[in-house]
Structures are given as structure tokens and as C-alpha cells.
């Protein structure tokens, strides 16, 4: 089973990388872009066959390592 974890900054948390991308897009002529938020996607190959077990394990991984839950949200997709 494959898991994708989408990690994004919570609303209200300053995103300097997103602001740098927005500024660079403006410099390239893409002036119609408003706020830009940058996140990350983490892909995991899992040996778990049970979806419930896999989702619980990946959520535990996120809580312990993959996401800083003070300033980041995460969403898990299983394939």
C-alpha cells in the first residue's frame, strides 16, 4: 500500500517561502497571483494491507516526525 502525506502550514502562520515564490512569479510577469503557500508531499510504501491500520500508523508517523503539528496540518491519502 502507498501513502501520500500532504503537509501544509496552518492558516495564520507566516510562509516566507510562499512569499518568495509569489514575488518571483510577479517578476516573471504573473502579476495576477495572490497569496502563495508552499507545502510538501511525503510518499511512503507500507507493508500494511489493512487500510485502517495503515492510516493509523501514518497518522502516528505524522504526529511524531513528519509534521510539526504546532504550525502544520497534514492530510493522509492511501492508494
PDB file of N, CA and C in Angstrom:
ATOM      1  N   UNK A   1       0.845  -1.169   0.000  1.00  0.00           N
ATOM      2  CA  UNK A   1       0.000   0.000   0.000  1.00  0.00           C
ATOM      3  C   UNK A   1       0.894   1.236   0.000  1.00  0.00           C
ATOM      4  N   UNK A   2       0.422   2.265  -0.653  1.00  0.00           N
ATOM      5  CA  UNK A   2       1.178   3.510  -0.744  1.00  0.00           C
ATOM      6  C   UNK A   2       0.402   4.603  -0.025  1.00  0.00           C
ATOM      7  N   UNK A   3       1.121   5.421   0.723  1.00  0.00           N
ATOM      8  CA  UNK A   3       0.505   6.550   1.416  1.00  0.00           C
ATOM      9  C   UNK A   3       1.156   7.843   0.937  1.00  0.00           C
ATOM     10  N   UNK A   4       0.339   8.852   0.763  1.00  0.00           N
ATOM     11  CA  UNK A   4       0.835  10.200   0.484  1.00  0.00           C
ATOM     12  C   UNK A   4       0.390  11.086   1.630  1.00  0.00           C
ATOM     13  N   UNK A   5       1.341  11.813   2.183  1.00  0.00           N
ATOM     14  CA  UNK A   5       1.053  12.747   3.268  1.00  0.00           C
ATOM     15  C   UNK A   5       1.271  14.154   2.734  1.00  0.00           C
ATOM     16  N   UNK A   6       0.225  14.964   2.772  1.00  0.00           N
ATOM     17  CA  UNK A   6       0.299  16.354   2.337  1.00  0.00           C
ATOM     18  C   UNK A   6       0.427  17.217   3.594  1.00  0.00           C
ATOM     19  N   UNK A   7       1.529  17.954   3.704  1.00  0.00           N
ATOM     20  CA  UNK A   7       1.789  18.785   4.869  1.00  0.00           C
ATOM     21  C   UNK A   7       1.756  20.246   4.429  1.00  0.00           C
ATOM     22  N   UNK A   8       0.932  21.044   5.122  1.00  0.00           N
ATOM     23  CA  UNK A   8       0.817  22.471   4.804  1.00  0.00           C
ATOM     24  C   UNK A   8       0.850  23.275   6.095  1.00  0.00           C
ATOM     25  N   UNK A   9       1.256  24.524   5.968  1.00  0.00           N
ATOM     26  CA  UNK A   9       1.247  25.409   7.120  1.00  0.00           C
ATOM     27  C   UNK A   9      -0.186  25.766   7.495  1.00  0.00           C
ATOM     28  N   UNK A  10      -0.427  25.910   8.781  1.00  0.00           N
ATOM     29  CA  UNK A  10      -1.746  26.317   9.240  1.00  0.00           C
ATOM     30  C   UNK A  10      -2.012  27.763   8.836  1.00  0.00           C
ATOM     31  N   UNK A  11      -3.297  28.106   8.722  1.00  0.00           N
ATOM     32  CA  UNK A  11      -3.693  29.485   8.430  1.00  0.00           C
ATOM     33  C   UNK A  11      -3.100  30.388   9.496  1.00  0.00           C
ATOM     34  N   UNK A  12      -2.609  31.526   9.088  1.00  0.00           N
ATOM     35  CA  UNK A  12      -2.074  32.499  10.029  1.00  0.00           C
ATOM     36  C   UNK A  12      -0.587  32.341  10.304  1.00  0.00           C
ATOM     37  N   UNK A  13       0.008  31.224   9.871  1.00  0.00           N
ATOM     38  CA  UNK A  13       1.444  31.020  10.053  1.00  0.00           C
ATOM     39  C   UNK A  13       2.163  31.651   8.861  1.00  0.00           C
ATOM     40  N   UNK A  14       3.130  32.502   9.146  1.00  0.00           N
ATOM     41  CA  UNK A  14       3.895  33.176   8.102  1.00  0.00           C
ATOM     42  C   UNK A  14       4.590  32.146   7.209  1.00  0.00           C
ATOM     43  N   UNK A  15       4.513  32.350   5.886  1.00  0.00           N
ATOM     44  CA  UNK A  15       5.123  31.433   4.919  1.00  0.00           C
ATOM     45  C   UNK A  15       6.133  32.204   4.074  1.00  0.00           C
ATOM     46  N   UNK A  16       7.368  32.385   4.543  1.00  0.00           N
ATOM     47  CA  UNK A  16       8.349  33.150   3.777  1.00  0.00           C
ATOM     48  C   UNK A  16       8.695  32.513   2.432  1.00  0.00           C
ATOM     49  N   UNK A  17       8.675  31.189   2.356  1.00  0.00           N
ATOM     50  CA  UNK A  17       8.956  30.521   1.081  1.00  0.00           C
ATOM     51  C   UNK A  17       7.838  30.804   0.087  1.00  0.00           C
ATOM     52  N   UNK A  18       6.606  30.758   0.539  1.00  0.00           N
ATOM     53  CA  UNK A  18       5.481  31.083  -0.330  1.00  0.00           C
ATOM     54  C   UNK A  18       5.546  32.528  -0.815  1.00  0.00           C
ATOM     55  N   UNK A  19       5.924  33.436   0.076  1.00  0.00           N
ATOM     56  CA  UNK A  19       6.049  34.847  -0.306  1.00  0.00           C
ATOM     57  C   UNK A  19       7.162  35.044  -1.330  1.00  0.00           C
ATOM     58  N   UNK A  20       8.263  34.310  -1.184  1.00  0.00           N
ATOM     59  CA  UNK A  20       9.356  34.396  -2.160  1.00  0.00           C
ATOM     60  C   UNK A  20       8.901  33.888  -3.529  1.00  0.00           C
ATOM     61  N   UNK A  21       8.124  32.814  -3.550  1.00  0.00           N
ATOM     62  CA  UNK A  21       7.605  32.282  -4.811  1.00  0.00           C
ATOM     63  C   UNK A  21       6.637  33.288  -5.444  1.00  0.00           C
ATOM     64  N   UNK A  22       5.752  33.886  -4.632  1.00  0.00           N
ATOM     65  CA  UNK A  22       4.818  34.880  -5.156  1.00  0.00           C
ATOM     66  C   UNK A  22       5.565  36.062  -5.763  1.00  0.00           C
ATOM     67  N   UNK A  23       6.595  36.516  -5.088  1.00  0.00           N
ATOM     68  CA  UNK A  23       7.398  37.640  -5.594  1.00  0.00           C
ATOM     69  C   UNK A  23       8.080  37.261  -6.908  1.00  0.00           C
ATOM     70  N   UNK A  24       8.662  36.058  -6.975  1.00  0.00           N
ATOM     71  CA  UNK A  24       9.346  35.604  -8.193  1.00  0.00           C
ATOM     72  C   UNK A  24       8.362  35.461  -9.353  1.00  0.00           C
ATOM     73  N   UNK A  25       7.164  34.965  -9.074  1.00  0.00           N
ATOM     74  CA  UNK A  25       6.155  34.862 -10.135  1.00  0.00           C
ATOM     75  C   UNK A  25       5.785  36.241 -10.659  1.00  0.00           C
ATOM     76  N   UNK A  26       5.651  37.208  -9.760  1.00  0.00           N
ATOM     77  CA  UNK A  26       5.371  38.582 -10.183  1.00  0.00           C
ATOM     78  C   UNK A  26       6.471  39.130 -11.065  1.00  0.00           C
ATOM     79  N   UNK A  27       7.722  38.835 -10.712  1.00  0.00           N
ATOM     80  CA  UNK A  27       8.858  39.294 -11.514  1.00  0.00           C
ATOM     81  C   UNK A  27       8.872  38.652 -12.897  1.00  0.00           C
ATOM     82  N   UNK A  28       8.266  37.478 -13.020  1.00  0.00           N
ATOM     83  CA  UNK A  28       8.195  36.785 -14.313  1.00  0.00           C
ATOM     84  C   UNK A  28       6.964  37.185 -15.117  1.00  0.00           C
ATOM     85  N   UNK A  29       6.196  38.140 -14.604  1.00  0.00           N
ATOM     86  CA  UNK A  29       5.033  38.629 -15.335  1.00  0.00           C
ATOM     87  C   UNK A  29       3.717  38.019 -14.906  1.00  0.00           C
ATOM     88  N   UNK A  30       3.718  37.189 -13.894  1.00  0.00           N
ATOM     89  CA  UNK A  30       2.479  36.583 -13.394  1.00  0.00           C
ATOM     90  C   UNK A  30       1.942  37.423 -12.235  1.00  0.00           C
ATOM     91  N   UNK A  31       1.487  38.622 -12.576  1.00  0.00           N
ATOM     92  CA  UNK A  31       1.054  39.586 -11.570  1.00  0.00           C
ATOM     93  C   UNK A  31      -0.302  39.254 -10.965  1.00  0.00           C
ATOM     94  N   UNK A  32      -1.034  38.349 -11.568  1.00  0.00           N
ATOM     95  CA  UNK A  32      -2.383  38.036 -11.091  1.00  0.00           C
ATOM     96  C   UNK A  32      -2.411  36.999  -9.967  1.00  0.00           C
ATOM     97  N   UNK A  33      -1.233  36.590  -9.479  1.00  0.00           N
ATOM     98  CA  UNK A  33      -1.166  35.595  -8.410  1.00  0.00           C
ATOM     99  C   UNK A  33      -1.243  36.307  -7.064  1.00  0.00           C
ATOM    100  N   UNK A  34      -2.168  35.844  -6.227  1.00  0.00           N
ATOM    101  CA  UNK A  34      -2.306  36.408  -4.889  1.00  0.00           C
ATOM    102  C   UNK A  34      -1.402  35.673  -3.918  1.00  0.00           C
ATOM    103  N   UNK A  35      -1.975  35.230  -2.812  1.00  0.00           N
ATOM    104  CA  UNK A  35      -1.202  34.534  -1.791  1.00  0.00           C
ATOM    105  C   UNK A  35      -0.707  33.182  -2.310  1.00  0.00           C
ATOM    106  N   UNK A  36       0.522  32.835  -1.958  1.00  0.00           N
ATOM    107  CA  UNK A  36       1.107  31.538  -2.295  1.00  0.00           C
ATOM    108  C   UNK A  36       1.519  30.862  -0.992  1.00  0.00           C
ATOM    109  N   UNK A  37       1.133  29.617  -0.827  1.00  0.00           N
ATOM    110  CA  UNK A  37       1.520  28.815   0.330  1.00  0.00           C
ATOM    111  C   UNK A  37       2.282  27.599  -0.193  1.00  0.00           C
ATOM    112  N   UNK A  38       3.409  27.289   0.413  1.00  0.00           N
ATOM    113  CA  UNK A  38       4.240  26.170  -0.014  1.00  0.00           C
ATOM    114  C   UNK A  38       4.135  25.063   1.033  1.00  0.00           C
ATOM    115  N   UNK A  39       3.959  23.834   0.565  1.00  0.00           N
ATOM    116  CA  UNK A  39       3.881  22.684   1.453  1.00  0.00           C
ATOM    117  C   UNK A  39       4.795  21.586   0.945  1.00  0.00           C
ATOM    118  N   UNK A  40       4.546  20.382   1.425  1.00  0.00           N
ATOM    119  CA  UNK A  40       5.353  19.248   0.976  1.00  0.00           C
ATOM    120  C   UNK A  40       4.484  18.003   0.902  1.00  0.00           C
ATOM    121  N   UNK A  41       4.901  17.071   0.055  1.00  0.00           N
ATOM    122  CA  UNK A  41       4.234  15.782  -0.080  1.00  0.00           C
ATOM    123  C   UNK A  41       5.274  14.713   0.239  1.00  0.00           C
ATOM    124  N   UNK A  42       4.907  13.810   1.137  1.00  0.00           N
ATOM    125  CA  UNK A  42       5.789  12.713   1.524  1.00  0.00           C
ATOM    126  C   UNK A  42       5.111  11.423   1.092  1.00  0.00           C
ATOM    127  N   UNK A  43       5.805  10.600   0.298  1.00  0.00           N
ATOM    128  CA  UNK A  43       5.252   9.335  -0.174  1.00  0.00           C
ATOM    129  C   UNK A  43       5.902   8.184   0.581  1.00  0.00           C
ATOM    130  N   UNK A  44       5.067   7.269   1.056  1.00  0.00           N
ATOM    131  CA  UNK A  44       5.546   6.129   1.837  1.00  0.00           C
ATOM    132  C   UNK A  44       5.022   4.834   1.242  1.00  0.00           C
ATOM    133  N   UNK A  45       5.874   3.828   1.108  1.00  0.00           N
ATOM    134  CA  UNK A  45       5.442   2.476   0.750  1.00  0.00           C
ATOM    135  C   UNK A  45       5.272   1.711   2.056  1.00  0.00           C
ATOM    136  N   UNK A  46       4.077   1.165   2.262  1.00  0.00           N
ATOM    137  CA  UNK A  46       3.758   0.484   3.509  1.00  0.00           C
ATOM    138  C   UNK A  46       3.529  -1.000   3.274  1.00  0.00           C
ATOM    139  N   UNK A  47       3.867  -1.807   4.267  1.00  0.00           N
ATOM    140  CA  UNK A  47       3.611  -3.240   4.158  1.00  0.00           C
ATOM    141  C   UNK A  47       2.219  -3.594   4.679  1.00  0.00           C
ATOM    142  N   UNK A  48       1.569  -2.670   5.393  1.00  0.00           N
ATOM    143  CA  UNK A  48       0.223  -2.921   5.926  1.00  0.00           C
ATOM    144  C   UNK A  48      -0.781  -3.124   4.797  1.00  0.00           C
ATOM    145  N   UNK A  49      -1.604  -4.131   4.926  1.00  0.00           N
ATOM    146  CA  UNK A  49      -2.658  -4.391   3.949  1.00  0.00           C
ATOM    147  C   UNK A  49      -3.989  -3.785   4.389  1.00  0.00           C
ATOM    148  N   UNK A  50      -4.195  -3.671   5.685  1.00  0.00           N
ATOM    149  CA  UNK A  50      -5.442  -3.146   6.228  1.00  0.00           C
ATOM    150  C   UNK A  50      -5.417  -1.619   6.198  1.00  0.00           C
ATOM    151  N   UNK A  51      -6.423  -1.015   5.543  1.00  0.00           N
ATOM    152  CA  UNK A  51      -6.462   0.448   5.403  1.00  0.00           C
ATOM    153  C   UNK A  51      -6.517   1.155   6.750  1.00  0.00           C
ATOM    154  N   UNK A  52      -7.310   0.641   7.657  1.00  0.00           N
ATOM    155  CA  UNK A  52      -7.441   1.267   8.966  1.00  0.00           C
ATOM    156  C   UNK A  52      -6.126   1.283   9.726  1.00  0.00           C
ATOM    157  N   UNK A  53      -5.431   0.149   9.708  1.00  0.00           N
ATOM    158  CA  UNK A  53      -4.135   0.052  10.375  1.00  0.00           C
ATOM    159  C   UNK A  53      -3.122   0.977   9.717  1.00  0.00           C
ATOM    160  N   UNK A  54      -3.109   0.979   8.384  1.00  0.00           N
ATOM    161  CA  UNK A  54      -2.160   1.826   7.651  1.00  0.00           C
ATOM    162  C   UNK A  54      -2.405   3.296   7.957  1.00  0.00           C
ATOM    163  N   UNK A  55      -3.662   3.707   7.945  1.00  0.00           N
ATOM    164  CA  UNK A  55      -3.970   5.116   8.210  1.00  0.00           C
ATOM    165  C   UNK A  55      -3.571   5.511   9.626  1.00  0.00           C
ATOM    166  N   UNK A  56      -3.822   4.630  10.589  1.00  0.00           N
ATOM    167  CA  UNK A  56      -3.447   4.914  11.975  1.00  0.00           C
ATOM    168  C   UNK A  56      -1.931   5.024  12.121  1.00  0.00           C
ATOM    169  N   UNK A  57      -1.202   4.124  11.464  1.00  0.00           N
ATOM    170  CA  UNK A  57       0.264   4.150  11.549  1.00  0.00           C
ATOM    171  C   UNK A  57       0.834   5.412  10.913  1.00  0.00           C
ATOM    172  N   UNK A  58       0.301   5.803   9.754  1.00  0.00           N
ATOM    173  CA  UNK A  58       0.806   7.009   9.083  1.00  0.00           C
ATOM    174  C   UNK A  58       0.468   8.247   9.908  1.00  0.00           C
ATOM    175  N   UNK A  59      -0.709   8.293  10.502  1.00  0.00           N
ATOM    176  CA  UNK A  59      -1.058   9.430  11.370  1.00  0.00           C
ATOM    177  C   UNK A  59      -0.101   9.507  12.553  1.00  0.00           C
ATOM    178  N   UNK A  60       0.261   8.355  13.109  1.00  0.00           N
ATOM    179  CA  UNK A  60       1.222   8.328  14.209  1.00  0.00           C
ATOM    180  C   UNK A  60       2.582   8.852  13.753  1.00  0.00           C
ATOM    181  N   UNK A  61       3.002   8.466  12.541  1.00  0.00           N
ATOM    182  CA  UNK A  61       4.265   8.960  11.980  1.00  0.00           C
ATOM    183  C   UNK A  61       4.233  10.475  11.838  1.00  0.00           C
ATOM    184  N   UNK A  62       3.089  10.998  11.387  1.00  0.00           N
ATOM    185  CA  UNK A  62       2.948  12.445  11.215  1.00  0.00           C
ATOM    186  C   UNK A  62       3.034  13.166  12.551  1.00  0.00           C
ATOM    187  N   UNK A  63       2.337  12.644  13.538  1.00  0.00           N
ATOM    188  CA  UNK A  63       2.323  13.267  14.862  1.00  0.00           C
ATOM    189  C   UNK A  63       3.704  13.255  15.517  1.00  0.00           C
ATOM    190  N   UNK A  64       4.490  12.214  15.245  1.00  0.00           N
ATOM    191  CA  UNK A  64       5.789  12.070  15.892  1.00  0.00           C
ATOM    192  C   UNK A  64       6.956  12.671  15.111  1.00  0.00           C
ATOM    193  N   UNK A  65       6.838  12.746  13.765  1.00  0.00           N
ATOM    194  CA  UNK A  65       8.003  13.157  12.977  1.00  0.00           C
ATOM    195  C   UNK A  65       7.686  13.976  11.730  1.00  0.00           C
ATOM    196  N   UNK A  66       6.762  13.522  10.920  1.00  0.00           N
ATOM    197  CA  UNK A  66       6.612  14.078   9.577  1.00  0.00           C
ATOM    198  C   UNK A  66       6.021  15.478   9.528  1.00  0.00           C
ATOM    199  N   UNK A  67       5.240  15.852  10.534  1.00  0.00           N
ATOM    200  CA  UNK A  67       4.633  17.184  10.556  1.00  0.00           C
ATOM    201  C   UNK A  67       4.848  17.822  11.920  1.00  0.00           C
ATOM    202  N   UNK A  68       5.083  19.116  11.915  1.00  0.00           N
ATOM    203  CA  UNK A  68       5.141  19.876  13.160  1.00  0.00           C
ATOM    204  C   UNK A  68       3.721  20.357  13.430  1.00  0.00           C
ATOM    205  N   UNK A  69       2.989  19.617  14.216  1.00  0.00           N
ATOM    206  CA  UNK A  69       1.553  19.876  14.373  1.00  0.00           C
ATOM    207  C   UNK A  69       1.236  21.185  15.095  1.00  0.00           C
ATOM    208  N   UNK A  70       2.239  21.857  15.615  1.00  0.00           N
ATOM    209  CA  UNK A  70       2.015  23.174  16.206  1.00  0.00           C
ATOM    210  C   UNK A  70       1.722  24.191  15.096  1.00  0.00           C
ATOM    211  N   UNK A  71       2.437  24.073  13.971  1.00  0.00           N
ATOM    212  CA  UNK A  71       2.282  25.055  12.893  1.00  0.00           C
ATOM    213  C   UNK A  71       1.832  24.442  11.567  1.00  0.00           C
ATOM    214  N   UNK A  72       1.726  23.108  11.485  1.00  0.00           N
ATOM    215  CA  UNK A  72       1.376  22.460  10.224  1.00  0.00           C
ATOM    216  C   UNK A  72       0.158  21.550  10.371  1.00  0.00           C
ATOM    217  N   UNK A  73      -0.603  21.461   9.288  1.00  0.00           N
ATOM    218  CA  UNK A  73      -1.678  20.481   9.138  1.00  0.00           C
ATOM    219  C   UNK A  73      -1.170  19.376   8.227  1.00  0.00           C
ATOM    220  N   UNK A  74      -1.771  18.205   8.329  1.00  0.00           N
ATOM    221  CA  UNK A  74      -1.436  17.137   7.395  1.00  0.00           C
ATOM    222  C   UNK A  74      -2.699  16.400   6.991  1.00  0.00           C
ATOM    223  N   UNK A  75      -2.613  15.811   5.799  1.00  0.00           N
ATOM    224  CA  UNK A  75      -3.717  15.018   5.258  1.00  0.00           C
ATOM    225  C   UNK A  75      -3.105  13.758   4.666  1.00  0.00           C
ATOM    226  N   UNK A  76      -3.712  12.610   4.956  1.00  0.00           N
ATOM    227  CA  UNK A  76      -3.182  11.317   4.510  1.00  0.00           C
ATOM    228  C   UNK A  76      -4.076  10.768   3.397  1.00  0.00           C
ATOM    229  N   UNK A  77      -3.461  10.327   2.298  1.00  0.00           N
ATOM    230  CA  UNK A  77      -4.153   9.623   1.211  1.00  0.00           C
ATOM    231  C   UNK A  77      -3.553   8.234   1.100  1.00  0.00           C
ATOM    232  N   UNK A  78      -4.395   7.232   1.045  1.00  0.00           N
ATOM    233  CA  UNK A  78      -3.917   5.853   0.854  1.00  0.00           C
ATOM    234  C   UNK A  78      -4.297   5.378  -0.537  1.00  0.00           C
ATOM    235  N   UNK A  79      -3.373   4.710  -1.200  1.00  0.00           N
ATOM    236  CA  UNK A  79      -3.617   4.192  -2.554  1.00  0.00           C
ATOM    237  C   UNK A  79      -3.435   2.690  -2.552  1.00  0.00           C
TER     238      UNK A  79
END
